Amino acid sequence: MRRITSTELKNNLSYYLELSSKEDICVTKNGKSIAIITNTRDKSFAKFMELEGCLSDNYSDEEYDEIIGREIKKKCGF
């Protein structure tokens, strides 16, 4: 997974959108991971969407945010 700053993303958005079809991109701001750009055809994205569907019915917003944050940290290697 490639890590880039939010400024780098802003300055080169088209490039990173194209690159996201080949690899996941972790976007950071002030040294903290804030987003992941991933190919929607990727199996891990499909699993995420499946997880999101399960969580939306069974968990509070706080629990949902905590679980998603934990999964993003795993994916970014933290």
C-alpha atoms as a PDB file:
ATOM      1  CA  MET A   1       0.000   0.000   0.000  1.00  0.00           C
ATOM      2  CA  ARG A   2       1.296   3.410  -0.939  1.00  0.00           C
ATOM      3  CA  ARG A   3       1.131   6.205   1.664  1.00  0.00           C
ATOM      4  CA  ILE A   4       0.724   9.812   0.542  1.00  0.00           C
ATOM      5  CA  THR A   5      -0.154  13.114   2.180  1.00  0.00           C
ATOM      6  CA  SER A   6      -3.451  14.860   1.568  1.00  0.00           C
ATOM      7  CA  THR A   7      -1.520  17.688  -0.140  1.00  0.00           C
ATOM      8  CA  GLU A   8       0.116  15.201  -2.520  1.00  0.00           C
ATOM      9  CA  LEU A   9      -3.320  13.771  -3.311  1.00  0.00           C
ATOM     10  CA  LYS A  10      -4.793  17.216  -3.914  1.00  0.00           C
ATOM     11  CA  ASN A  11      -1.944  18.188  -6.254  1.00  0.00           C
ATOM     12  CA  ASN A  12      -2.015  14.924  -8.235  1.00  0.00           C
ATOM     13  CA  LEU A  13      -5.569  13.608  -7.904  1.00  0.00           C
ATOM     14  CA  SER A  14      -5.890  12.169 -11.428  1.00  0.00           C
ATOM     15  CA  TYR A  15      -2.633  10.250 -11.078  1.00  0.00           C
ATOM     16  CA  TYR A  16      -3.650   8.676  -7.762  1.00  0.00           C
ATOM     17  CA  LEU A  17      -7.140   7.814  -8.950  1.00  0.00           C
ATOM     18  CA  GLU A  18      -5.576   5.943 -11.862  1.00  0.00           C
ATOM     19  CA  LEU A  19      -3.009   4.308  -9.583  1.00  0.00           C
ATOM     20  CA  SER A  20      -5.755   3.132  -7.217  1.00  0.00           C
ATOM     21  CA  SER A  21      -6.823   0.613  -9.851  1.00  0.00           C
ATOM     22  CA  LYS A  22      -3.496  -1.158  -9.231  1.00  0.00           C
ATOM     23  CA  GLU A  23      -2.834  -0.617  -5.527  1.00  0.00           C
ATOM     24  CA  ASP A  24      -4.461   0.775  -2.405  1.00  0.00           C
ATOM     25  CA  ILE A  25      -3.444   4.267  -1.345  1.00  0.00           C
ATOM     26  CA  CYS A  26      -3.439   5.402   2.282  1.00  0.00           C
ATOM     27  CA  VAL A  27      -3.892   9.172   2.621  1.00  0.00           C
ATOM     28  CA  THR A  28      -2.390  10.901   5.655  1.00  0.00           C
ATOM     29  CA  LYS A  29      -2.820  14.334   7.188  1.00  0.00           C
ATOM     30  CA  ASN A  30      -0.549  15.615   9.932  1.00  0.00           C
ATOM     31  CA  GLY A  31       0.985  12.142  10.105  1.00  0.00           C
ATOM     32  CA  LYS A  32      -2.324  10.365  10.757  1.00  0.00           C
ATOM     33  CA  SER A  33      -4.153   8.078   8.349  1.00  0.00           C
ATOM     34  CA  ILE A  34      -7.420   9.675   7.257  1.00  0.00           C
ATOM     35  CA  ALA A  35      -8.546   7.726   4.180  1.00  0.00           C
ATOM     36  CA  ILE A  36      -7.891   4.791   1.923  1.00  0.00           C
ATOM     37  CA  ILE A  37      -8.432   4.922  -1.816  1.00  0.00           C
ATOM     38  CA  THR A  38      -9.085   1.450  -3.149  1.00  0.00           C
ATOM     39  CA  ASN A  39     -10.325  -0.206  -6.298  1.00  0.00           C
ATOM     40  CA  THR A  40     -14.022  -0.982  -5.912  1.00  0.00           C
ATOM     41  CA  ARG A  41     -13.491  -4.250  -7.760  1.00  0.00           C
ATOM     42  CA  ASP A  42     -10.988  -5.349  -5.135  1.00  0.00           C
ATOM     43  CA  LYS A  43     -12.131  -8.263  -2.959  1.00  0.00           C
ATOM     44  CA  SER A  44     -11.142  -6.418   0.224  1.00  0.00           C
ATOM     45  CA  PHE A  45     -13.474  -3.547  -0.721  1.00  0.00           C
ATOM     46  CA  ALA A  46     -16.297  -6.029  -1.242  1.00  0.00           C
ATOM     47  CA  LYS A  47     -15.606  -7.448   2.228  1.00  0.00           C
ATOM     48  CA  PHE A  48     -15.612  -3.932   3.663  1.00  0.00           C
ATOM     49  CA  MET A  49     -18.982  -3.191   2.085  1.00  0.00           C
ATOM     50  CA  GLU A  50     -20.291  -6.478   3.460  1.00  0.00           C
ATOM     51  CA  LEU A  51     -18.995  -5.542   6.906  1.00  0.00           C
ATOM     52  CA  GLU A  52     -20.517  -2.090   6.608  1.00  0.00           C
ATOM     53  CA  GLY A  53     -23.918  -3.601   5.902  1.00  0.00           C
ATOM     54  CA  CYS A  54     -23.713  -5.802   8.979  1.00  0.00           C
ATOM     55  CA  LEU A  55     -22.525  -3.030  11.243  1.00  0.00           C
ATOM     56  CA  SER A  56     -25.126  -0.498  10.248  1.00  0.00           C
ATOM     57  CA  ASP A  57     -27.881  -2.632  11.789  1.00  0.00           C
ATOM     58  CA  ASN A  58     -26.117  -3.962  14.863  1.00  0.00           C
ATOM     59  CA  TYR A  59     -23.831  -1.248  16.248  1.00  0.00           C
ATOM     60  CA  SER A  60     -24.037   2.326  17.481  1.00  0.00           C
ATOM     61  CA  ASP A  61     -22.296   5.079  15.513  1.00  0.00           C
ATOM     62  CA  GLU A  62     -19.453   5.177  18.057  1.00  0.00           C
ATOM     63  CA  GLU A  63     -18.852   1.426  17.857  1.00  0.00           C
ATOM     64  CA  TYR A  64     -19.078   1.548  14.063  1.00  0.00           C
ATOM     65  CA  ASP A  65     -16.487   4.362  13.881  1.00  0.00           C
ATOM     66  CA  GLU A  66     -14.179   2.498  16.251  1.00  0.00           C
ATOM     67  CA  ILE A  67     -14.361  -0.748  14.253  1.00  0.00           C
ATOM     68  CA  ILE A  68     -13.880   0.978  10.895  1.00  0.00           C
ATOM     69  CA  GLY A  69     -10.975   3.006  12.327  1.00  0.00           C
ATOM     70  CA  ARG A  70      -9.342  -0.195  13.570  1.00  0.00           C
ATOM     71  CA  GLU A  71      -9.722  -1.832  10.147  1.00  0.00           C
ATOM     72  CA  ILE A  72      -8.218   1.218   8.408  1.00  0.00           C
ATOM     73  CA  LYS A  73      -5.256   1.161  10.798  1.00  0.00           C
ATOM     74  CA  LYS A  74      -4.699  -2.528  10.014  1.00  0.00           C
ATOM     75  CA  LYS A  75      -4.862  -1.875   6.301  1.00  0.00           C
ATOM     76  CA  CYS A  76      -2.402   1.048   6.576  1.00  0.00           C
ATOM     77  CA  GLY A  77      -0.036  -1.065   8.661  1.00  0.00           C
ATOM     78  CA  PHE A  78      -0.479   0.627  12.058  1.00  0.00           C
END
